[in-house]
PDB file of N, CA and C in Angstrom:
ATOM      1  N   MET A   1      94.277 289.501 101.905  1.00  0.00           N
ATOM      2  CA  MET A   1      95.406 289.955 102.939  1.00  0.00           C
ATOM      3  C   MET A   1      97.110 288.748 102.687  1.00  0.00           C
ATOM      4  N   ASN A   2      98.022 289.397 102.897  1.00  0.00           N
ATOM      5  CA  ASN A   2      99.124 288.888 102.089  1.00  0.00           C
ATOM      6  C   ASN A   2      99.773 287.916 103.531  1.00  0.00           C
ATOM      7  N   ARG A   3     100.824 286.979 102.953  1.00  0.00           N
ATOM      8  CA  ARG A   3     101.142 285.897 104.221  1.00  0.00           C
ATOM      9  C   ARG A   3     101.862 286.460 105.112  1.00  0.00           C
ATOM     10  N   ARG A   4     102.382 287.754 104.879  1.00  0.00           N
ATOM     11  CA  ARG A   4     103.008 288.871 106.389  1.00  0.00           C
ATOM     12  C   ARG A   4     101.771 289.121 107.113  1.00  0.00           C
ATOM     13  N   GLN A   5     100.810 289.651 106.695  1.00  0.00           N
ATOM     14  CA  GLN A   5     100.046 290.074 107.070  1.00  0.00           C
ATOM     15  C   GLN A   5      99.082 289.308 108.156  1.00  0.00           C
ATOM     16  N   ASP A   6      99.084 287.794 107.394  1.00  0.00           N
ATOM     17  CA  ASP A   6      97.897 287.054 108.281  1.00  0.00           C
ATOM     18  C   ASP A   6      98.824 286.523 109.717  1.00  0.00           C
ATOM     19  N   LEU A   7     100.385 286.308 109.249  1.00  0.00           N
ATOM     20  CA  LEU A   7     101.222 286.030 110.312  1.00  0.00           C
ATOM     21  C   LEU A   7     101.067 286.197 111.466  1.00  0.00           C
ATOM     22  N   THR A   8     101.363 287.898 111.360  1.00  0.00           N
ATOM     23  CA  THR A   8     101.117 289.079 112.381  1.00  0.00           C
ATOM     24  C   THR A   8      99.948 289.521 113.229  1.00  0.00           C
ATOM     25  N   ALA A   9      98.684 288.841 112.079  1.00  0.00           N
ATOM     26  CA  ALA A   9      97.379 289.749 112.631  1.00  0.00           C
ATOM     27  C   ALA A   9      96.914 289.016 114.050  1.00  0.00           C
ATOM     28  N   ARG A  10      96.305 290.151 114.446  1.00  0.00           N
ATOM     29  CA  ARG A  10      95.553 289.439 115.875  1.00  0.00           C
ATOM     30  C   ARG A  10      94.790 288.374 115.866  1.00  0.00           C
ATOM     31  N   ASN A  11      95.263 287.307 116.619  1.00  0.00           N
ATOM     32  CA  ASN A  11      94.119 286.174 117.008  1.00  0.00           C
ATOM     33  C   ASN A  11      93.215 286.586 117.949  1.00  0.00           C
ATOM     34  N   ILE A  12      93.825 287.094 118.988  1.00  0.00           N
ATOM     35  CA  ILE A  12      93.189 287.255 120.260  1.00  0.00           C
ATOM     36  C   ILE A  12      92.513 288.439 120.442  1.00  0.00           C
ATOM     37  N   PRO A  13      91.164 288.399 121.137  1.00  0.00           N
ATOM     38  CA  PRO A  13      90.790 289.472 121.149  1.00  0.00           C
ATOM     39  C   PRO A  13      91.200 290.936 122.416  1.00  0.00           C
ATOM     40  N   SER A  14      91.470 291.789 122.069  1.00  0.00           N
ATOM     41  CA  SER A  14      92.069 292.453 123.054  1.00  0.00           C
ATOM     42  C   SER A  14      91.382 292.892 124.621  1.00  0.00           C
ATOM     43  N   ALA A  15      91.538 293.199 125.602  1.00  0.00           N
ATOM     44  CA  ALA A  15      90.839 293.003 126.878  1.00  0.00           C
ATOM     45  C   ALA A  15      89.777 293.795 126.698  1.00  0.00           C
ATOM     46  N   GLN A  16      89.752 295.170 126.027  1.00  0.00           N
ATOM     47  CA  GLN A  16      88.439 295.759 125.467  1.00  0.00           C
ATOM     48  C   GLN A  16      88.023 295.525 124.736  1.00  0.00           C
ATOM     49  N   ASP A  17      87.623 294.485 123.820  1.00  0.00           N
ATOM     50  CA  ASP A  17      86.984 294.106 122.943  1.00  0.00           C
ATOM     51  C   ASP A  17      85.944 292.440 123.796  1.00  0.00           C
ATOM     52  N   GLU A  18      87.103 291.892 124.371  1.00  0.00           N
ATOM     53  CA  GLU A  18      86.299 290.940 125.026  1.00  0.00           C
ATOM     54  C   GLU A  18      85.378 291.702 126.473  1.00  0.00           C
ATOM     55  N   LEU A  19      85.654 292.550 126.857  1.00  0.00           N
ATOM     56  CA  LEU A  19      84.511 293.151 127.628  1.00  0.00           C
ATOM     57  C   LEU A  19      83.314 294.161 127.019  1.00  0.00           C
ATOM     58  N   GLY A  20      83.713 294.065 125.537  1.00  0.00           N
ATOM     59  CA  GLY A  20      82.750 295.365 124.923  1.00  0.00           C
ATOM     60  C   GLY A  20      81.684 293.855 124.638  1.00  0.00           C
ATOM     61  N   ALA A  21      82.568 292.739 124.222  1.00  0.00           N
ATOM     62  CA  ALA A  21      81.169 291.758 123.510  1.00  0.00           C
ATOM     63  C   ALA A  21      81.001 290.486 124.614  1.00  0.00           C
ATOM     64  N   LEU A  22      80.916 291.223 125.748  1.00  0.00           N
ATOM     65  CA  LEU A  22      80.667 290.408 126.511  1.00  0.00           C
ATOM     66  C   LEU A  22      79.004 290.548 127.435  1.00  0.00           C
ATOM     67  N   GLY A  23      78.117 289.563 127.114  1.00  0.00           N
ATOM     68  CA  GLY A  23      76.495 289.857 127.346  1.00  0.00           C
ATOM     69  C   GLY A  23      76.687 289.706 128.589  1.00  0.00           C
ATOM     70  N   GLY A  24      75.746 290.401 128.956  1.00  0.00           N
ATOM     71  CA  GLY A  24      75.627 290.232 130.871  1.00  0.00           C
ATOM     72  C   GLY A  24      74.779 288.772 131.157  1.00  0.00           C
ATOM     73  N   HIS A  25      74.957 288.352 131.959  1.00  0.00           N
ATOM     74  CA  HIS A  25      74.272 287.155 132.511  1.00  0.00           C
ATOM     75  C   HIS A  25      73.352 287.810 134.263  1.00  0.00           C
ATOM     76  N   PRO A  26      72.386 288.060 133.863  1.00  0.00           N
ATOM     77  CA  PRO A  26      71.325 288.847 135.230  1.00  0.00           C
ATOM     78  C   PRO A  26      71.376 287.830 136.053  1.00  0.00           C
ATOM     79  N   ASP A  27      71.406 286.279 136.086  1.00  0.00           N
ATOM     80  CA  ASP A  27      71.617 285.657 137.272  1.00  0.00           C
ATOM     81  C   ASP A  27      72.709 286.161 138.308  1.00  0.00           C
ATOM     82  N   TYR A  28      73.829 286.351 137.341  1.00  0.00           N
ATOM     83  CA  TYR A  28      75.667 285.778 137.918  1.00  0.00           C
ATOM     84  C   TYR A  28      76.263 286.901 138.119  1.00  0.00           C
ATOM     85  N   ASP A  29      75.488 287.964 137.954  1.00  0.00           N
ATOM     86  CA  ASP A  29      75.633 289.873 137.508  1.00  0.00           C
ATOM     87  C   ASP A  29      76.384 290.307 138.824  1.00  0.00           C
ATOM     88  N   HIS A  30      77.228 289.681 139.671  1.00  0.00           N
ATOM     89  CA  HIS A  30      77.201 290.005 140.930  1.00  0.00           C
ATOM     90  C   HIS A  30      78.656 290.098 141.206  1.00  0.00           C
ATOM     91  N   PRO A  31      79.620 290.787 142.281  1.00  0.00           N
ATOM     92  CA  PRO A  31      80.853 290.923 142.459  1.00  0.00           C
ATOM     93  C   PRO A  31      81.021 289.373 143.154  1.00  0.00           C
ATOM     94  N   GLY A  32      82.185 288.809 142.233  1.00  0.00           N
ATOM     95  CA  GLY A  32      82.559 287.675 142.938  1.00  0.00           C
ATOM     96  C   GLY A  32      81.796 286.283 142.040  1.00  0.00           C
ATOM     97  N   SER A  33      81.028 286.685 140.819  1.00  0.00           N
ATOM     98  CA  SER A  33      80.519 285.615 140.059  1.00  0.00           C
ATOM     99  C   SER A  33      81.966 284.954 139.247  1.00  0.00           C
ATOM    100  N   ALA A  34      81.178 283.971 139.028  1.00  0.00           N
ATOM    101  CA  ALA A  34      82.294 283.153 138.130  1.00  0.00           C
ATOM    102  C   ALA A  34      82.186 283.551 136.673  1.00  0.00           C
ATOM    103  N   TYR A  35      81.036 284.061 136.635  1.00  0.00           N
ATOM    104  CA  TYR A  35      80.901 284.185 134.907  1.00  0.00           C
ATOM    105  C   TYR A  35      81.507 286.105 134.315  1.00  0.00           C
ATOM    106  N   GLN A  36      81.855 286.819 135.611  1.00  0.00           N
ATOM    107  CA  GLN A  36      82.327 287.822 135.221  1.00  0.00           C
ATOM    108  C   GLN A  36      83.914 287.803 135.040  1.00  0.00           C
ATOM    109  N   LEU A  37      84.017 288.734 133.760  1.00  0.00           N
ATOM    110  CA  LEU A  37      85.809 288.733 133.732  1.00  0.00           C
ATOM    111  C   LEU A  37      86.793 289.000 135.015  1.00  0.00           C
ATOM    112  N   ALA A  38      87.576 287.898 134.773  1.00  0.00           N
ATOM    113  CA  ALA A  38      88.372 288.331 135.959  1.00  0.00           C
ATOM    114  C   ALA A  38      89.224 289.897 136.309  1.00  0.00           C
ATOM    115  N   PHE A  39      89.308 290.393 135.365  1.00  0.00           N
ATOM    116  CA  PHE A  39      90.138 291.681 135.691  1.00  0.00           C
ATOM    117  C   PHE A  39      88.879 292.570 135.531  1.00  0.00           C
ATOM    118  N   THR A  40      87.768 292.510 135.647  1.00  0.00           N
ATOM    119  CA  THR A  40      86.350 293.555 135.656  1.00  0.00           C
ATOM    120  C   THR A  40      85.984 293.334 137.381  1.00  0.00           C
ATOM    121  N   ASP A  41      86.546 292.239 137.983  1.00  0.00           N
ATOM    122  CA  ASP A  41      85.660 291.670 139.027  1.00  0.00           C
ATOM    123  C   ASP A  41      87.077 292.048 140.437  1.00  0.00           C
ATOM    124  N   GLU A  42      86.549 293.430 140.504  1.00  0.00           N
ATOM    125  CA  GLU A  42      87.571 293.921 142.198  1.00  0.00           C
ATOM    126  C   GLU A  42      87.428 293.058 143.263  1.00  0.00           C
ATOM    127  N   THR A  43      86.167 292.494 143.588  1.00  0.00           N
ATOM    128  CA  THR A  43      86.250 291.649 144.543  1.00  0.00           C
ATOM    129  C   THR A  43      87.537 290.528 144.772  1.00  0.00           C
ATOM    130  N   PHE A  44      87.263 289.618 143.465  1.00  0.00           N
ATOM    131  CA  PHE A  44      88.546 289.171 142.829  1.00  0.00           C
ATOM    132  C   PHE A  44      89.960 289.590 142.958  1.00  0.00           C
ATOM    133  N   LEU A  45      89.777 290.386 142.336  1.00  0.00           N
ATOM    134  CA  LEU A  45      91.318 290.778 142.149  1.00  0.00           C
ATOM    135  C   LEU A  45      91.664 291.505 143.500  1.00  0.00           C
ATOM    136  N   LEU A  46      91.059 291.606 144.876  1.00  0.00           N
ATOM    137  CA  LEU A  46      91.548 292.023 145.470  1.00  0.00           C
ATOM    138  C   LEU A  46      91.828 290.999 146.853  1.00  0.00           C
ATOM    139  N   ARG A  47      91.531 289.893 146.618  1.00  0.00           N
ATOM    140  CA  ARG A  47      91.811 288.302 147.289  1.00  0.00           C
ATOM    141  C   ARG A  47      93.416 288.784 147.294  1.00  0.00           C
ATOM    142  N   GLU A  48      93.378 288.073 148.637  1.00  0.00           N
ATOM    143  CA  GLU A  48      95.228 288.091 149.720  1.00  0.00           C
ATOM    144  C   GLU A  48      95.493 287.234 148.807  1.00  0.00           C
ATOM    145  N   GLU A  49      95.613 285.997 148.252  1.00  0.00           N
ATOM    146  CA  GLU A  49      96.244 285.178 147.116  1.00  0.00           C
ATOM    147  C   GLU A  49      96.433 285.972 145.554  1.00  0.00           C
ATOM    148  N   LEU A  50      96.055 287.192 145.040  1.00  0.00           N
ATOM    149  CA  LEU A  50      96.380 287.853 143.729  1.00  0.00           C
ATOM    150  C   LEU A  50      97.580 288.900 144.336  1.00  0.00           C
ATOM    151  N   ARG A  51      98.197 288.908 145.630  1.00  0.00           N
ATOM    152  CA  ARG A  51      98.651 290.007 146.433  1.00  0.00           C
ATOM    153  C   ARG A  51     100.291 290.069 145.211  1.00  0.00           C
ATOM    154  N   PRO A  52     100.630 288.839 144.958  1.00  0.00           N
ATOM    155  CA  PRO A  52     101.729 288.906 144.244  1.00  0.00           C
ATOM    156  C   PRO A  52     101.356 289.245 142.387  1.00  0.00           C
ATOM    157  N   VAL A  53     100.249 289.279 142.027  1.00  0.00           N
ATOM    158  CA  VAL A  53     100.056 289.987 140.722  1.00  0.00           C
ATOM    159  C   VAL A  53      99.880 291.115 141.090  1.00  0.00           C
ATOM    160  N   ARG A  54      99.114 291.730 142.001  1.00  0.00           N
ATOM    161  CA  ARG A  54      99.043 293.265 141.819  1.00  0.00           C
ATOM    162  C   ARG A  54      99.987 293.664 142.088  1.00  0.00           C
ATOM    163  N   MET A  55     101.178 293.206 143.120  1.00  0.00           N
ATOM    164  CA  MET A  55     102.532 293.955 143.071  1.00  0.00           C
ATOM    165  C   MET A  55     103.322 293.810 141.288  1.00  0.00           C
ATOM    166  N   GLN A  56     102.888 292.377 141.025  1.00  0.00           N
ATOM    167  CA  GLN A  56     103.741 292.652 139.512  1.00  0.00           C
ATOM    168  C   GLN A  56     103.479 293.742 139.037  1.00  0.00           C
ATOM    169  N   LEU A  57     101.457 294.048 138.812  1.00  0.00           N
ATOM    170  CA  LEU A  57     100.875 295.280 138.068  1.00  0.00           C
ATOM    171  C   LEU A  57     101.527 296.757 138.594  1.00  0.00           C
ATOM    172  N   GLU A  58     101.570 296.708 139.754  1.00  0.00           N
ATOM    173  CA  GLU A  58     102.338 297.861 140.459  1.00  0.00           C
ATOM    174  C   GLU A  58     104.115 298.318 139.565  1.00  0.00           C
ATOM    175  N   LEU A  59     104.778 296.959 139.209  1.00  0.00           N
ATOM    176  CA  LEU A  59     106.307 297.275 138.522  1.00  0.00           C
ATOM    177  C   LEU A  59     105.685 297.495 137.510  1.00  0.00           C
ATOM    178  N   LEU A  60     105.078 296.874 136.549  1.00  0.00           N
ATOM    179  CA  LEU A  60     104.653 296.706 135.291  1.00  0.00           C
ATOM    180  C   LEU A  60     104.378 298.259 134.738  1.00  0.00           C
ATOM    181  N   LYS A  61     103.269 298.434 135.354  1.00  0.00           N
ATOM    182  CA  LYS A  61     102.354 299.749 134.922  1.00  0.00           C
ATOM    183  C   LYS A  61     103.503 301.087 134.669  1.00  0.00           C
ATOM    184  N   PRO A  62     104.021 301.357 135.738  1.00  0.00           N
ATOM    185  CA  PRO A  62     104.972 302.959 135.653  1.00  0.00           C
ATOM    186  C   PRO A  62     106.034 302.159 134.225  1.00  0.00           C
ATOM    187  N   GLU A  63     106.664 301.428 134.169  1.00  0.00           N
ATOM    188  CA  GLU A  63     107.519 300.777 133.348  1.00  0.00           C
ATOM    189  C   GLU A  63     106.871 301.093 131.488  1.00  0.00           C
ATOM    190  N   LEU A  64     105.566 300.323 131.405  1.00  0.00           N
ATOM    191  CA  LEU A  64     105.050 300.422 130.314  1.00  0.00           C
ATOM    192  C   LEU A  64     104.710 301.941 129.922  1.00  0.00           C
ATOM    193  N   MET A  65     104.538 302.714 130.916  1.00  0.00           N
ATOM    194  CA  MET A  65     103.728 304.223 130.826  1.00  0.00           C
ATOM    195  C   MET A  65     105.337 304.955 130.467  1.00  0.00           C
ATOM    196  N   GLN A  66     106.194 304.723 131.205  1.00  0.00           N
ATOM    197  CA  GLN A  66     107.474 305.515 130.944  1.00  0.00           C
ATOM    198  C   GLN A  66     107.987 304.985 129.382  1.00  0.00           C
ATOM    199  N   THR A  67     107.885 304.063 128.964  1.00  0.00           N
ATOM    200  CA  THR A  67     108.148 303.320 127.739  1.00  0.00           C
ATOM    201  C   THR A  67     107.481 304.074 126.560  1.00  0.00           C
ATOM    202  N   GLU A  68     105.964 304.179 127.078  1.00  0.00           N
ATOM    203  CA  GLU A  68     105.139 304.620 126.000  1.00  0.00           C
ATOM    204  C   GLU A  68     105.361 306.402 125.821  1.00  0.00           C
ATOM    205  N   GLN A  69     105.950 306.970 126.867  1.00  0.00           N
ATOM    206  CA  GLN A  69     106.313 308.567 127.006  1.00  0.00           C
ATOM    207  C   GLN A  69     107.413 308.601 126.004  1.00  0.00           C
ATOM    208  N   GLY A  70     108.983 307.498 125.896  1.00  0.00           N
ATOM    209  CA  GLY A  70     109.828 307.554 125.025  1.00  0.00           C
ATOM    210  C   GLY A  70     111.078 307.658 126.640  1.00  0.00           C
ATOM    211  N   VAL A  71     110.579 307.524 127.976  1.00  0.00           N
ATOM    212  CA  VAL A  71     111.677 307.577 128.643  1.00  0.00           C
ATOM    213  C   VAL A  71     112.535 306.000 128.930  1.00  0.00           C
ATOM    214  N   GLN A  72     113.869 306.087 128.398  1.00  0.00           N
ATOM    215  CA  GLN A  72     114.670 305.126 128.228  1.00  0.00           C
ATOM    216  C   GLN A  72     115.815 304.806 129.531  1.00  0.00           C
ATOM    217  N   SER A  73     115.962 305.696 130.134  1.00  0.00           N
ATOM    218  CA  SER A  73     116.466 305.349 131.542  1.00  0.00           C
ATOM    219  C   SER A  73     116.067 306.728 132.708  1.00  0.00           C
ATOM    220  N   THR A  74     116.448 306.259 133.780  1.00  0.00           N
ATOM    221  CA  THR A  74     115.788 307.056 135.128  1.00  0.00           C
ATOM    222  C   THR A  74     117.100 306.799 135.966  1.00  0.00           C
ATOM    223  N   VAL A  75     116.872 308.073 136.918  1.00  0.00           N
ATOM    224  CA  VAL A  75     117.859 308.120 138.166  1.00  0.00           C
ATOM    225  C   VAL A  75     117.083 308.156 139.464  1.00  0.00           C
ATOM    226  N   VAL A  76     116.928 307.203 140.085  1.00  0.00           N
ATOM    227  CA  VAL A  76     116.449 307.347 141.634  1.00  0.00           C
ATOM    228  C   VAL A  76     117.905 307.693 142.688  1.00  0.00           C
ATOM    229  N   ILE A  77     117.244 308.620 143.425  1.00  0.00           N
ATOM    230  CA  ILE A  77     118.069 309.255 144.739  1.00  0.00           C
ATOM    231  C   ILE A  77     117.193 308.914 146.039  1.00  0.00           C
ATOM    232  N   PHE A  78     117.476 308.204 147.086  1.00  0.00           N
ATOM    233  CA  PHE A  78     117.350 308.354 147.835  1.00  0.00           C
ATOM    234  C   PHE A  78     117.755 309.076 148.789  1.00  0.00           C
ATOM    235  N   GLY A  79     116.791 309.314 149.931  1.00  0.00           N
ATOM    236  CA  GLY A  79     117.310 310.173 150.671  1.00  0.00           C
ATOM    237  C   GLY A  79     116.684 310.276 151.986  1.00  0.00           C
ATOM    238  N   SER A  80     117.069 311.032 153.084  1.00  0.00           N
ATOM    239  CA  SER A  80     116.364 311.193 154.539  1.00  0.00           C
ATOM    240  C   SER A  80     116.705 312.489 155.199  1.00  0.00           C
ATOM    241  N   ALA A  81     115.607 313.053 155.537  1.00  0.00           N
ATOM    242  CA  ALA A  81     115.775 314.094 156.299  1.00  0.00           C
ATOM    243  C   ALA A  81     116.619 313.989 157.766  1.00  0.00           C
ATOM    244  N   ARG A  82     117.316 312.801 157.727  1.00  0.00           N
ATOM    245  CA  ARG A  82     118.278 312.488 158.801  1.00  0.00           C
ATOM    246  C   ARG A  82     120.043 313.195 158.547  1.00  0.00           C
ATOM    247  N   ILE A  83     119.753 313.459 157.239  1.00  0.00           N
ATOM    248  CA  ILE A  83     121.035 313.380 156.465  1.00  0.00           C
ATOM    249  C   ILE A  83     121.295 314.832 156.770  1.00  0.00           C
ATOM    250  N   LEU A  84     122.643 314.415 157.370  1.00  0.00           N
ATOM    251  CA  LEU A  84     123.674 316.173 157.787  1.00  0.00           C
ATOM    252  C   LEU A  84     123.833 316.900 156.905  1.00  0.00           C
ATOM    253  N   PRO A  85     123.594 318.313 157.076  1.00  0.00           N
ATOM    254  CA  PRO A  85     123.886 319.117 155.810  1.00  0.00           C
ATOM    255  C   PRO A  85     125.588 318.908 155.582  1.00  0.00           C
ATOM    256  N   ARG A  86     125.908 319.011 154.485  1.00  0.00           N
ATOM    257  CA  ARG A  86     127.231 319.120 153.354  1.00  0.00           C
ATOM    258  C   ARG A  86     128.232 320.160 154.765  1.00  0.00           C
ATOM    259  N   ASP A  87     128.143 321.032 155.261  1.00  0.00           N
ATOM    260  CA  ASP A  87     129.368 321.539 156.225  1.00  0.00           C
ATOM    261  C   ASP A  87     129.492 320.827 157.119  1.00  0.00           C
ATOM    262  N   THR A  88     128.581 320.161 157.997  1.00  0.00           N
ATOM    263  CA  THR A  88     128.390 319.538 159.260  1.00  0.00           C
ATOM    264  C   THR A  88     128.941 318.163 159.153  1.00  0.00           C
ATOM    265  N   ALA A  89     128.949 317.630 158.157  1.00  0.00           N
ATOM    266  CA  ALA A  89     129.252 316.079 157.807  1.00  0.00           C
ATOM    267  C   ALA A  89     130.495 316.158 157.328  1.00  0.00           C
TER     268      ALA A  89
END
């Protein structure tokens, strides 16, 4: 491996690699176990203290998906059923 590849090589396993390498802990393999990876523990993720993290994920997910699809900009239009028709307004 040349020096540039060495500097840009992934030194931290991906979440998928981590999950695949995780060995089971039969005595601790239940929801809320400290031995369960946080991102696989639904009980942990749904705690009230993690609401800001979940909110951040809700904002990040569509941004990442749009970036993957090549969307560079969007237009958001807010409206309401109470808006008067053009001829009345």
